[in-house]
C-alpha atoms as a PDB file:
ATOM      1  CA  MET A   1     -17.835   2.853  11.767  1.00  0.00           C
ATOM      2  CA  GLU A   2     -17.699   1.413   8.231  1.00  0.00           C
ATOM      3  CA  SER A   3     -16.900  -2.289   8.023  1.00  0.00           C
ATOM      4  CA  ILE A   4     -13.974  -3.243   5.895  1.00  0.00           C
ATOM      5  CA  GLU A   5     -14.896  -5.868   3.217  1.00  0.00           C
ATOM      6  CA  ARG A   6     -12.081  -8.402   2.339  1.00  0.00           C
ATOM      7  CA  ILE A   7     -13.075 -10.574  -0.575  1.00  0.00           C
ATOM      8  CA  THR A   8     -11.304 -13.862  -0.731  1.00  0.00           C
ATOM      9  CA  PRO A   9      -9.323 -14.129  -3.986  1.00  0.00           C
ATOM     10  CA  PRO A  10     -10.679 -16.656  -6.416  1.00  0.00           C
ATOM     11  CA  LEU A  11      -9.335 -20.122  -6.494  1.00  0.00           C
ATOM     12  CA  THR A  12      -9.981 -20.638 -10.269  1.00  0.00           C
ATOM     13  CA  GLY A  13      -9.813 -17.102 -11.696  1.00  0.00           C
ATOM     14  CA  ASP A  14      -7.745 -16.091 -14.657  1.00  0.00           C
ATOM     15  CA  GLU A  15      -4.258 -14.577 -14.021  1.00  0.00           C
ATOM     16  CA  ARG A  16      -5.229 -10.906 -14.172  1.00  0.00           C
ATOM     17  CA  GLU A  17      -8.438 -11.447 -12.098  1.00  0.00           C
ATOM     18  CA  THR A  18      -6.393 -13.328  -9.429  1.00  0.00           C
ATOM     19  CA  LEU A  19      -3.665 -10.670  -9.306  1.00  0.00           C
ATOM     20  CA  ARG A  20      -6.215  -7.869  -8.970  1.00  0.00           C
ATOM     21  CA  ALA A  21      -8.028  -9.789  -6.313  1.00  0.00           C
ATOM     22  CA  TYR A  22      -4.913 -10.499  -4.216  1.00  0.00           C
ATOM     23  CA  LEU A  23      -3.809  -6.979  -4.405  1.00  0.00           C
ATOM     24  CA  ASP A  24      -7.226  -5.774  -3.298  1.00  0.00           C
ATOM     25  CA  TYR A  25      -7.285  -8.345  -0.553  1.00  0.00           C
ATOM     26  CA  HIS A  26      -4.006  -7.048   0.839  1.00  0.00           C
ATOM     27  CA  ARG A  27      -5.166  -3.366   0.457  1.00  0.00           C
ATOM     28  CA  ALA A  28      -8.176  -4.256   2.410  1.00  0.00           C
ATOM     29  CA  THR A  29      -6.163  -5.997   4.975  1.00  0.00           C
ATOM     30  CA  LEU A  30      -4.195  -2.940   5.796  1.00  0.00           C
ATOM     31  CA  ALA A  31      -7.365  -0.853   6.187  1.00  0.00           C
ATOM     32  CA  TRP A  32      -8.874  -3.536   8.430  1.00  0.00           C
ATOM     33  CA  LYS A  33      -5.738  -3.588  10.654  1.00  0.00           C
ATOM     34  CA  CYS A  34      -6.378   0.197  11.154  1.00  0.00           C
ATOM     35  CA  GLN A  35     -10.121  -0.033  11.719  1.00  0.00           C
ATOM     36  CA  GLY A  36     -11.556   1.257  14.987  1.00  0.00           C
ATOM     37  CA  LEU A  37      -8.394   2.930  16.195  1.00  0.00           C
ATOM     38  CA  SER A  38      -7.866   6.596  17.231  1.00  0.00           C
ATOM     39  CA  ASP A  39      -5.427   8.885  15.482  1.00  0.00           C
ATOM     40  CA  GLU A  40      -3.223   8.598  18.508  1.00  0.00           C
ATOM     41  CA  GLN A  41      -3.286   4.793  18.376  1.00  0.00           C
ATOM     42  CA  LEU A  42      -2.649   4.822  14.644  1.00  0.00           C
ATOM     43  CA  ARG A  43       0.484   6.945  15.228  1.00  0.00           C
ATOM     44  CA  ARG A  44       1.833   4.777  17.977  1.00  0.00           C
ATOM     45  CA  ALA A  45       5.384   3.721  17.072  1.00  0.00           C
ATOM     46  CA  SER A  46       6.419   0.141  17.471  1.00  0.00           C
ATOM     47  CA  MET A  47       9.500   0.687  19.571  1.00  0.00           C
ATOM     48  CA  PRO A  48      12.446   3.140  19.667  1.00  0.00           C
ATOM     49  CA  PRO A  49      14.274   3.950  17.628  1.00  0.00           C
ATOM     50  CA  SER A  50      11.748   2.914  14.971  1.00  0.00           C
ATOM     51  CA  THR A  51       9.004   5.421  13.943  1.00  0.00           C
ATOM     52  CA  LEU A  52       7.015   2.617  12.340  1.00  0.00           C
ATOM     53  CA  SER A  53       3.256   2.830  13.047  1.00  0.00           C
ATOM     54  CA  LEU A  54      -0.031   1.722  11.398  1.00  0.00           C
ATOM     55  CA  LEU A  55      -0.504   5.282  10.038  1.00  0.00           C
ATOM     56  CA  GLY A  56       3.099   5.255   8.743  1.00  0.00           C
ATOM     57  CA  LEU A  57       2.389   2.056   6.858  1.00  0.00           C
ATOM     58  CA  VAL A  58      -0.594   3.571   5.240  1.00  0.00           C
ATOM     59  CA  ARG A  59       1.482   6.645   4.241  1.00  0.00           C
ATOM     60  CA  HIS A  60       4.174   4.392   2.929  1.00  0.00           C
ATOM     61  CA  MET A  61       1.820   2.327   0.902  1.00  0.00           C
ATOM     62  CA  ALA A  62       0.336   5.513  -0.621  1.00  0.00           C
ATOM     63  CA  GLU A  63       3.931   6.286  -1.811  1.00  0.00           C
ATOM     64  CA  VAL A  64       4.452   2.804  -3.104  1.00  0.00           C
ATOM     65  CA  GLU A  65       1.157   2.781  -5.137  1.00  0.00           C
ATOM     66  CA  ARG A  66       2.024   6.279  -6.459  1.00  0.00           C
ATOM     67  CA  HIS A  67       5.508   5.240  -7.498  1.00  0.00           C
ATOM     68  CA  TRP A  68       4.877   1.920  -9.162  1.00  0.00           C
ATOM     69  CA  PHE A  69       1.663   2.670 -11.054  1.00  0.00           C
ATOM     70  CA  ARG A  70       1.801   6.434 -11.723  1.00  0.00           C
ATOM     71  CA  ARG A  71       5.591   7.141 -11.869  1.00  0.00           C
ATOM     72  CA  VAL A  72       6.883   3.778 -13.379  1.00  0.00           C
ATOM     73  CA  LEU A  73       3.987   2.328 -15.318  1.00  0.00           C
ATOM     74  CA  ASN A  74       2.128   5.537 -16.307  1.00  0.00           C
ATOM     75  CA  GLY A  75       5.360   7.646 -16.800  1.00  0.00           C
ATOM     76  CA  GLU A  76       3.985  10.593 -14.636  1.00  0.00           C
ATOM     77  CA  GLU A  77       6.519  12.957 -13.097  1.00  0.00           C
ATOM     78  CA  LEU A  78       5.345  13.361  -9.572  1.00  0.00           C
ATOM     79  CA  ALA A  79       6.867  14.411  -6.315  1.00  0.00           C
ATOM     80  CA  HIS A  80       6.811  12.214  -3.213  1.00  0.00           C
ATOM     81  CA  LEU A  81       3.847  12.980  -0.963  1.00  0.00           C
ATOM     82  CA  TRP A  82       5.896  13.226   2.230  1.00  0.00           C
ATOM     83  CA  SER A  83       9.492  13.763   1.243  1.00  0.00           C
ATOM     84  CA  ASP A  84      11.403  16.309  -0.822  1.00  0.00           C
ATOM     85  CA  SER A  85      14.283  13.896  -1.178  1.00  0.00           C
ATOM     86  CA  HIS A  86      12.492  10.883  -2.733  1.00  0.00           C
ATOM     87  CA  ASP A  87      12.730   9.058   0.477  1.00  0.00           C
ATOM     88  CA  PHE A  88      10.120   6.363   0.802  1.00  0.00           C
ATOM     89  CA  GLN A  89      10.967   5.779   4.425  1.00  0.00           C
ATOM     90  CA  ALA A  90       9.977   9.318   5.350  1.00  0.00           C
ATOM     91  CA  ALA A  91       6.369   8.321   5.120  1.00  0.00           C
ATOM     92  CA  TYR A  92       6.853   6.043   8.171  1.00  0.00           C
ATOM     93  CA  ASP A  93       7.106   9.003  10.464  1.00  0.00           C
ATOM     94  CA  ALA A  94       3.479   9.836  10.873  1.00  0.00           C
ATOM     95  CA  SER A  95       3.916  11.766  14.174  1.00  0.00           C
ATOM     96  CA  GLY A  96       2.335  14.814  12.462  1.00  0.00           C
ATOM     97  CA  SER A  97      -0.290  13.057  10.563  1.00  0.00           C
ATOM     98  CA  ASP A  98      -3.861  11.855  11.120  1.00  0.00           C
ATOM     99  CA  ARG A  99      -6.220   9.266   9.732  1.00  0.00           C
ATOM    100  CA  ALA A 100      -7.950  11.663   7.360  1.00  0.00           C
ATOM    101  CA  GLU A 101      -4.723  12.831   5.642  1.00  0.00           C
ATOM    102  CA  ALA A 102      -3.107   9.374   5.362  1.00  0.00           C
ATOM    103  CA  PHE A 103      -6.167   7.517   4.237  1.00  0.00           C
ATOM    104  CA  THR A 104      -7.254  10.238   1.811  1.00  0.00           C
ATOM    105  CA  ALA A 105      -3.897  10.068   0.110  1.00  0.00           C
ATOM    106  CA  TRP A 106      -3.706   6.382   0.117  1.00  0.00           C
ATOM    107  CA  GLU A 107      -7.260   5.859  -1.172  1.00  0.00           C
ATOM    108  CA  ALA A 108      -6.623   8.387  -3.963  1.00  0.00           C
ATOM    109  CA  GLU A 109      -3.371   6.576  -4.962  1.00  0.00           C
ATOM    110  CA  VAL A 110      -5.218   3.107  -4.961  1.00  0.00           C
ATOM    111  CA  ALA A 111      -7.918   4.587  -7.195  1.00  0.00           C
ATOM    112  CA  HIS A 112      -5.202   5.824  -9.642  1.00  0.00           C
ATOM    113  CA  SER A 113      -3.559   2.491  -9.561  1.00  0.00           C
ATOM    114  CA  ARG A 114      -6.785   0.602 -10.275  1.00  0.00           C
ATOM    115  CA  ARG A 115      -7.550   3.004 -13.300  1.00  0.00           C
ATOM    116  CA  ILE A 116      -4.035   2.626 -14.701  1.00  0.00           C
ATOM    117  CA  GLU A 117      -4.045  -1.152 -14.292  1.00  0.00           C
ATOM    118  CA  ALA A 118      -7.514  -1.489 -15.827  1.00  0.00           C
ATOM    119  CA  ALA A 119      -6.478   0.676 -18.855  1.00  0.00           C
ATOM    120  CA  ALA A 120      -3.362  -1.539 -19.612  1.00  0.00           C
ATOM    121  CA  ALA A 121      -3.926  -3.720 -22.566  1.00  0.00           C
ATOM    122  CA  SER A 122      -2.432  -6.772 -20.901  1.00  0.00           C
ATOM    123  CA  LEU A 123      -0.291  -7.989 -18.155  1.00  0.00           C
ATOM    124  CA  ASP A 124       2.555  -7.981 -20.571  1.00  0.00           C
ATOM    125  CA  VAL A 125       2.615  -4.151 -20.872  1.00  0.00           C
ATOM    126  CA  THR A 126       6.095  -3.111 -19.723  1.00  0.00           C
ATOM    127  CA  ALA A 127       7.754  -0.026 -18.220  1.00  0.00           C
ATOM    128  CA  TYR A 128      11.362   0.835 -17.600  1.00  0.00           C
ATOM    129  CA  VAL A 129      12.260   0.557 -13.844  1.00  0.00           C
ATOM    130  CA  PRO A 130      15.248   2.780 -13.117  1.00  0.00           C
ATOM    131  CA  ARG A 131      16.269   0.992  -9.904  1.00  0.00           C
ATOM    132  CA  TRP A 132      16.310  -2.374 -11.653  1.00  0.00           C
ATOM    133  CA  GLU A 133      17.737  -0.840 -14.884  1.00  0.00           C
ATOM    134  CA  LYS A 134      15.373  -3.173 -16.859  1.00  0.00           C
ATOM    135  CA  GLU A 135      11.907  -3.319 -18.286  1.00  0.00           C
ATOM    136  CA  ALA A 136       9.275  -4.962 -16.078  1.00  0.00           C
ATOM    137  CA  SER A 137       5.774  -6.148 -16.984  1.00  0.00           C
ATOM    138  CA  LEU A 138       2.584  -5.057 -15.245  1.00  0.00           C
ATOM    139  CA  ARG A 139       2.382  -8.675 -14.059  1.00  0.00           C
ATOM    140  CA  MET A 140       5.691  -8.212 -12.125  1.00  0.00           C
ATOM    141  CA  LEU A 141       4.642  -4.786 -10.833  1.00  0.00           C
ATOM    142  CA  MET A 142       1.429  -6.180  -9.489  1.00  0.00           C
ATOM    143  CA  LEU A 143       3.262  -9.213  -7.920  1.00  0.00           C
ATOM    144  CA  HIS A 144       5.791  -6.728  -6.348  1.00  0.00           C
ATOM    145  CA  LEU A 145       2.944  -4.784  -4.763  1.00  0.00           C
ATOM    146  CA  ILE A 146       1.341  -7.876  -3.424  1.00  0.00           C
ATOM    147  CA  HIS A 147       4.575  -8.797  -1.940  1.00  0.00           C
ATOM    148  CA  GLU A 148       5.004  -5.298  -0.425  1.00  0.00           C
ATOM    149  CA  TYR A 149       1.531  -5.275   1.184  1.00  0.00           C
ATOM    150  CA  ALA A 150       1.912  -8.854   2.496  1.00  0.00           C
ATOM    151  CA  ARG A 151       5.272  -7.950   4.136  1.00  0.00           C
ATOM    152  CA  HIS A 152       3.873  -4.695   5.658  1.00  0.00           C
ATOM    153  CA  ASN A 153       0.495  -6.369   6.744  1.00  0.00           C
ATOM    154  CA  GLY A 154       2.763  -8.692   8.777  1.00  0.00           C
ATOM    155  CA  HIS A 155       4.197  -5.595  10.509  1.00  0.00           C
ATOM    156  CA  ALA A 156       0.607  -4.233  10.810  1.00  0.00           C
ATOM    157  CA  ASP A 157      -0.383  -7.452  12.648  1.00  0.00           C
ATOM    158  CA  PHE A 158       2.313  -6.961  15.324  1.00  0.00           C
ATOM    159  CA  LEU A 159       1.512  -3.200  15.619  1.00  0.00           C
ATOM    160  CA  ARG A 160      -2.072  -3.762  16.055  1.00  0.00           C
ATOM    161  CA  GLU A 161      -1.588  -6.465  18.686  1.00  0.00           C
ATOM    162  CA  GLY A 162       0.706  -4.114  20.586  1.00  0.00           C
ATOM    163  CA  ILE A 163      -1.921  -1.332  20.608  1.00  0.00           C
ATOM    164  CA  ASP A 164      -5.079  -3.218  21.747  1.00  0.00           C
ATOM    165  CA  GLY A 165      -4.254  -6.987  21.707  1.00  0.00           C
ATOM    166  CA  VAL A 166      -6.257  -7.652  18.483  1.00  0.00           C
ATOM    167  CA  THR A 167      -4.927 -10.366  16.281  1.00  0.00           C
ATOM    168  CA  GLY A 168      -6.030 -12.142  13.158  1.00  0.00           C
ATOM    169  CA  ALA A 169      -5.116 -12.705   9.648  1.00  0.00           C
END
C-alpha cells in the first residue's frame, strides 16, 4: 500500500505558496484518512439516516474541486459527476461506488484544479460566482476549498475512528 505524504505547510512562504500548501495538505489528509481501508469500510455510513461515508466525502470533494476550479474559475460547462440535478449532496451516497471510481474522479479533478490555479496570473484573478452573485478572487476560492476540506476532514476523523478506532490529525 502506498504511503500518503502530507507536507507541512511553510511557516514563512509567500501567500500563494502557503495557500497551495494548505490546500494540498488537506487533500492529502483526506486520502490519508481513507488509507488501508476496504471498499466496504470506505462505504460504511456514519449513522442512519445519514449516508455520509469516507468514500462519499471523496466523491463530494471531487464535485467541489470540479465546481470551483473548472466551472467557476475556468468557465467550463460541465455536468456533475454523480447527479443529474446539480446536487452536491448526491455524491455522499457512495453505496454503489468503490475506491477506484471515487479516487480516480477525485484525483483527476485535483489535477485539473492544480493546472488551472498554476495558470492563473495571480491570486487576484476573479470569476463570477452565481450563488454569491458576486465576483470572487482565486485567493477567496482557494480559502473556500481549504475551509471545505478542513470541515470534511473533521468528519473523516470521526468516520475513521468509527470504522477501526484509528485517530490522529
